[in-house]
Amino acid sequence: MSAPTTLRVTIPTRRRPQPEQVLDITVTPDDRLLLSIPEAAHRIGISRSQMYNLIAAGRVPVVHIGRSAKIRVEALTAFVQSLPQARG
């Protein structure tokens, strides 16, 4: 698991008496093993409907945990790697 990364952003203000605004943003890597169907679709940049079509066609396997349908990150990676490369 990777450590979170913290980024400090300072926003100057136009008014002299007020101090600058400071935002501390922490970015945590997503190292989950399973994704929901909308999360998997978002990760590869397609619509939720397109993801359901890929699942129905058997191109992306799904695992069920109770009533939840999840996609393994490895299965999503394998699907993307199986796609033909664009010819340039």
N, C-alpha and C. Protein backbone atom coordinates (compact mmCIF):
# COMPACT_ATOMS: atom_id res chain seq x y z
N MET A 1 0.84 -1.17 0.00
CA MET A 1 0.00 0.00 0.00
C MET A 1 0.89 1.23 0.00
N SER A 2 0.59 2.19 -0.85
CA SER A 2 1.37 3.41 -0.95
C SER A 2 0.92 4.42 0.10
N ALA A 3 1.85 5.26 0.49
CA ALA A 3 1.55 6.28 1.48
C ALA A 3 0.79 7.43 0.83
N PRO A 4 -0.10 8.09 1.59
CA PRO A 4 -0.80 9.25 1.05
C PRO A 4 0.17 10.37 0.73
N THR A 5 -0.19 11.17 -0.23
CA THR A 5 0.61 12.34 -0.61
C THR A 5 -0.15 13.59 -0.20
N THR A 6 0.53 14.52 0.46
CA THR A 6 -0.11 15.76 0.87
C THR A 6 0.41 16.90 0.03
N LEU A 7 -0.50 17.72 -0.43
CA LEU A 7 -0.18 18.87 -1.26
C LEU A 7 -0.71 20.11 -0.56
N ARG A 8 0.10 21.12 -0.42
CA ARG A 8 -0.33 22.37 0.21
C ARG A 8 -0.46 23.43 -0.87
N VAL A 9 -1.64 24.02 -0.96
CA VAL A 9 -1.93 25.05 -1.96
C VAL A 9 -2.19 26.35 -1.22
N THR A 10 -1.47 27.40 -1.60
CA THR A 10 -1.66 28.71 -1.00
C THR A 10 -2.36 29.61 -2.01
N ILE A 11 -3.47 30.19 -1.59
CA ILE A 11 -4.24 31.07 -2.47
C ILE A 11 -4.09 32.49 -1.96
N PRO A 12 -3.44 33.35 -2.75
CA PRO A 12 -3.30 34.74 -2.30
C PRO A 12 -4.65 35.45 -2.31
N THR A 13 -4.86 36.34 -1.36
CA THR A 13 -6.09 37.11 -1.30
C THR A 13 -5.81 38.54 -1.76
N ARG A 14 -6.83 39.20 -2.24
CA ARG A 14 -6.65 40.58 -2.73
C ARG A 14 -6.61 41.59 -1.59
N ARG A 15 -7.25 41.26 -0.50
CA ARG A 15 -7.28 42.19 0.63
C ARG A 15 -6.01 42.02 1.46
N ARG A 16 -5.42 43.10 1.79
CA ARG A 16 -4.16 43.07 2.55
C ARG A 16 -4.32 42.56 3.98
N PRO A 17 -5.36 42.98 4.74
CA PRO A 17 -5.42 42.56 6.14
C PRO A 17 -5.66 41.06 6.33
N GLN A 18 -6.32 40.41 5.35
CA GLN A 18 -6.61 38.98 5.53
C GLN A 18 -5.39 38.13 5.18
N PRO A 19 -5.18 37.08 5.93
CA PRO A 19 -4.06 36.18 5.58
C PRO A 19 -4.41 35.38 4.33
N GLU A 20 -3.40 34.80 3.74
CA GLU A 20 -3.61 33.94 2.58
C GLU A 20 -4.42 32.73 2.99
N GLN A 21 -5.20 32.21 2.05
CA GLN A 21 -5.94 30.99 2.30
C GLN A 21 -5.03 29.81 1.97
N VAL A 22 -5.05 28.81 2.83
CA VAL A 22 -4.21 27.63 2.63
C VAL A 22 -5.11 26.40 2.61
N LEU A 23 -4.93 25.58 1.58
CA LEU A 23 -5.66 24.32 1.48
C LEU A 23 -4.65 23.19 1.58
N ASP A 24 -4.90 22.24 2.46
CA ASP A 24 -4.09 21.03 2.53
C ASP A 24 -4.91 19.91 1.90
N ILE A 25 -4.40 19.34 0.83
CA ILE A 25 -5.09 18.29 0.10
C ILE A 25 -4.28 17.01 0.25
N THR A 26 -4.95 15.95 0.70
CA THR A 26 -4.30 14.65 0.83
C THR A 26 -4.85 13.72 -0.23
N VAL A 27 -3.96 13.15 -1.01
CA VAL A 27 -4.33 12.21 -2.07
C VAL A 27 -3.89 10.82 -1.63
N THR A 28 -4.86 9.92 -1.57
CA THR A 28 -4.57 8.55 -1.17
C THR A 28 -4.75 7.65 -2.39
N PRO A 29 -3.75 6.82 -2.71
CA PRO A 29 -3.89 5.93 -3.87
C PRO A 29 -5.03 4.94 -3.67
N ASP A 30 -5.69 4.62 -4.76
CA ASP A 30 -6.80 3.66 -4.72
C ASP A 30 -6.23 2.26 -4.94
N ASP A 31 -6.10 1.50 -3.87
CA ASP A 31 -5.52 0.17 -3.97
C ASP A 31 -6.53 -0.92 -3.66
N ARG A 32 -7.82 -0.62 -3.90
CA ARG A 32 -8.85 -1.63 -3.69
C ARG A 32 -8.73 -2.74 -4.72
N LEU A 33 -9.13 -3.92 -4.35
CA LEU A 33 -9.06 -5.08 -5.25
C LEU A 33 -10.33 -5.25 -6.08
N LEU A 34 -11.45 -4.75 -5.56
CA LEU A 34 -12.73 -4.86 -6.25
C LEU A 34 -13.33 -3.48 -6.45
N LEU A 35 -13.99 -3.31 -7.59
CA LEU A 35 -14.65 -2.03 -7.91
C LEU A 35 -16.11 -2.30 -8.21
N SER A 36 -16.95 -1.32 -7.90
CA SER A 36 -18.35 -1.42 -8.32
C SER A 36 -18.39 -1.23 -9.84
N ILE A 37 -19.50 -1.56 -10.44
CA ILE A 37 -19.60 -1.43 -11.90
C ILE A 37 -19.45 0.03 -12.33
N PRO A 38 -20.11 1.00 -11.69
CA PRO A 38 -19.88 2.39 -12.08
C PRO A 38 -18.43 2.85 -11.88
N GLU A 39 -17.78 2.37 -10.80
CA GLU A 39 -16.38 2.74 -10.56
C GLU A 39 -15.47 2.16 -11.64
N ALA A 40 -15.73 0.91 -12.03
CA ALA A 40 -14.91 0.28 -13.08
C ALA A 40 -15.11 1.01 -14.40
N ALA A 41 -16.34 1.37 -14.72
CA ALA A 41 -16.60 2.12 -15.95
C ALA A 41 -15.87 3.45 -15.94
N HIS A 42 -15.94 4.13 -14.82
CA HIS A 42 -15.26 5.44 -14.71
C HIS A 42 -13.75 5.28 -14.86
N ARG A 43 -13.20 4.22 -14.27
CA ARG A 43 -11.76 4.02 -14.30
C ARG A 43 -11.24 3.86 -15.73
N ILE A 44 -12.02 3.23 -16.61
CA ILE A 44 -11.54 3.05 -17.99
C ILE A 44 -12.18 4.04 -18.96
N GLY A 45 -12.99 4.95 -18.43
CA GLY A 45 -13.50 6.05 -19.25
C GLY A 45 -14.65 5.70 -20.17
N ILE A 46 -15.53 4.79 -19.72
CA ILE A 46 -16.71 4.47 -20.51
C ILE A 46 -17.94 4.69 -19.65
N SER A 47 -19.11 4.64 -20.29
CA SER A 47 -20.34 4.83 -19.53
C SER A 47 -20.70 3.56 -18.76
N ARG A 48 -21.55 3.73 -17.79
CA ARG A 48 -22.03 2.60 -17.00
C ARG A 48 -22.77 1.60 -17.90
N SER A 49 -23.55 2.13 -18.85
CA SER A 49 -24.29 1.27 -19.78
C SER A 49 -23.34 0.43 -20.63
N GLN A 50 -22.25 1.05 -21.09
CA GLN A 50 -21.27 0.29 -21.87
C GLN A 50 -20.64 -0.81 -21.04
N MET A 51 -20.39 -0.53 -19.76
CA MET A 51 -19.81 -1.55 -18.88
C MET A 51 -20.78 -2.70 -18.71
N TYR A 52 -22.07 -2.42 -18.51
CA TYR A 52 -23.05 -3.48 -18.39
C TYR A 52 -23.12 -4.30 -19.68
N ASN A 53 -22.97 -3.66 -20.84
CA ASN A 53 -22.96 -4.39 -22.12
C ASN A 53 -21.75 -5.32 -22.20
N LEU A 54 -20.60 -4.87 -21.75
CA LEU A 54 -19.40 -5.71 -21.75
C LEU A 54 -19.57 -6.91 -20.82
N ILE A 55 -20.22 -6.69 -19.69
CA ILE A 55 -20.47 -7.77 -18.74
C ILE A 55 -21.43 -8.79 -19.36
N ALA A 56 -22.51 -8.29 -19.97
CA ALA A 56 -23.51 -9.17 -20.58
C ALA A 56 -22.90 -9.99 -21.72
N ALA A 57 -21.93 -9.41 -22.45
CA ALA A 57 -21.28 -10.11 -23.55
C ALA A 57 -20.20 -11.08 -23.05
N GLY A 58 -19.93 -11.09 -21.74
CA GLY A 58 -18.92 -11.98 -21.18
C GLY A 58 -17.50 -11.50 -21.36
N ARG A 59 -17.33 -10.24 -21.71
CA ARG A 59 -15.97 -9.71 -21.93
C ARG A 59 -15.32 -9.24 -20.64
N VAL A 60 -16.13 -8.89 -19.63
CA VAL A 60 -15.61 -8.48 -18.32
C VAL A 60 -16.34 -9.32 -17.28
N PRO A 61 -15.60 -10.19 -16.56
CA PRO A 61 -16.25 -11.04 -15.55
C PRO A 61 -16.60 -10.26 -14.28
N VAL A 62 -17.64 -10.72 -13.63
CA VAL A 62 -18.13 -10.08 -12.41
C VAL A 62 -18.12 -11.10 -11.28
N VAL A 63 -17.82 -10.65 -10.07
CA VAL A 63 -17.96 -11.49 -8.88
C VAL A 63 -19.10 -10.91 -8.05
N HIS A 64 -19.80 -11.80 -7.36
CA HIS A 64 -20.92 -11.36 -6.52
C HIS A 64 -20.58 -11.58 -5.07
N ILE A 65 -20.81 -10.57 -4.28
CA ILE A 65 -20.66 -10.65 -2.83
C ILE A 65 -22.01 -10.23 -2.28
N GLY A 66 -22.76 -11.22 -1.83
CA GLY A 66 -24.14 -10.93 -1.44
C GLY A 66 -24.91 -10.47 -2.67
N ARG A 67 -25.52 -9.31 -2.58
CA ARG A 67 -26.26 -8.77 -3.70
C ARG A 67 -25.43 -7.80 -4.54
N SER A 68 -24.20 -7.56 -4.13
CA SER A 68 -23.34 -6.61 -4.84
C SER A 68 -22.58 -7.30 -5.96
N ALA A 69 -22.55 -6.66 -7.11
CA ALA A 69 -21.73 -7.12 -8.23
C ALA A 69 -20.46 -6.28 -8.25
N LYS A 70 -19.32 -6.93 -8.28
CA LYS A 70 -18.03 -6.24 -8.28
C LYS A 70 -17.17 -6.75 -9.42
N ILE A 71 -16.23 -5.92 -9.83
CA ILE A 71 -15.28 -6.28 -10.87
C ILE A 71 -13.88 -6.26 -10.27
N ARG A 72 -13.16 -7.34 -10.47
CA ARG A 72 -11.77 -7.39 -9.99
C ARG A 72 -10.91 -6.43 -10.81
N VAL A 73 -10.02 -5.74 -10.14
CA VAL A 73 -9.13 -4.82 -10.84
C VAL A 73 -8.31 -5.58 -11.88
N GLU A 74 -7.88 -6.81 -11.55
CA GLU A 74 -7.10 -7.61 -12.50
C GLU A 74 -7.91 -7.93 -13.76
N ALA A 75 -9.22 -8.20 -13.60
CA ALA A 75 -10.07 -8.50 -14.75
C ALA A 75 -10.23 -7.27 -15.63
N LEU A 76 -10.33 -6.11 -15.01
CA LEU A 76 -10.45 -4.87 -15.77
C LEU A 76 -9.16 -4.59 -16.53
N THR A 77 -8.03 -4.81 -15.88
CA THR A 77 -6.73 -4.62 -16.54
C THR A 77 -6.56 -5.59 -17.70
N ALA A 78 -6.95 -6.84 -17.50
CA ALA A 78 -6.85 -7.84 -18.56
C ALA A 78 -7.73 -7.47 -19.75
N PHE A 79 -8.93 -6.96 -19.49
CA PHE A 79 -9.81 -6.53 -20.57
C PHE A 79 -9.16 -5.41 -21.39
N VAL A 80 -8.62 -4.41 -20.71
CA VAL A 80 -8.01 -3.28 -21.42
C VAL A 80 -6.80 -3.76 -22.22
N GLN A 81 -6.01 -4.65 -21.66
CA GLN A 81 -4.83 -5.14 -22.38
C GLN A 81 -5.21 -6.01 -23.57
N SER A 82 -6.42 -6.58 -23.56
CA SER A 82 -6.85 -7.41 -24.68
C SER A 82 -7.37 -6.60 -25.87
N LEU A 83 -7.58 -5.31 -25.65
CA LEU A 83 -8.10 -4.47 -26.73
C LEU A 83 -7.03 -4.26 -27.79
N PRO A 84 -7.43 -4.22 -29.08
CA PRO A 84 -6.44 -3.98 -30.13
C PRO A 84 -5.86 -2.58 -30.04
N GLN A 85 -4.59 -2.46 -30.36
CA GLN A 85 -3.93 -1.15 -30.32
C GLN A 85 -4.35 -0.33 -31.53
N ALA A 86 -4.49 0.97 -31.34
CA ALA A 86 -4.82 1.86 -32.45
C ALA A 86 -3.65 1.94 -33.43
N ARG A 87 -3.97 1.95 -34.67
CA ARG A 87 -2.90 2.06 -35.69
C ARG A 87 -2.67 3.52 -36.01
N GLY A 88 -1.43 3.90 -36.03
CA GLY A 88 -1.10 5.30 -36.20
C GLY A 88 -0.59 5.60 -37.50
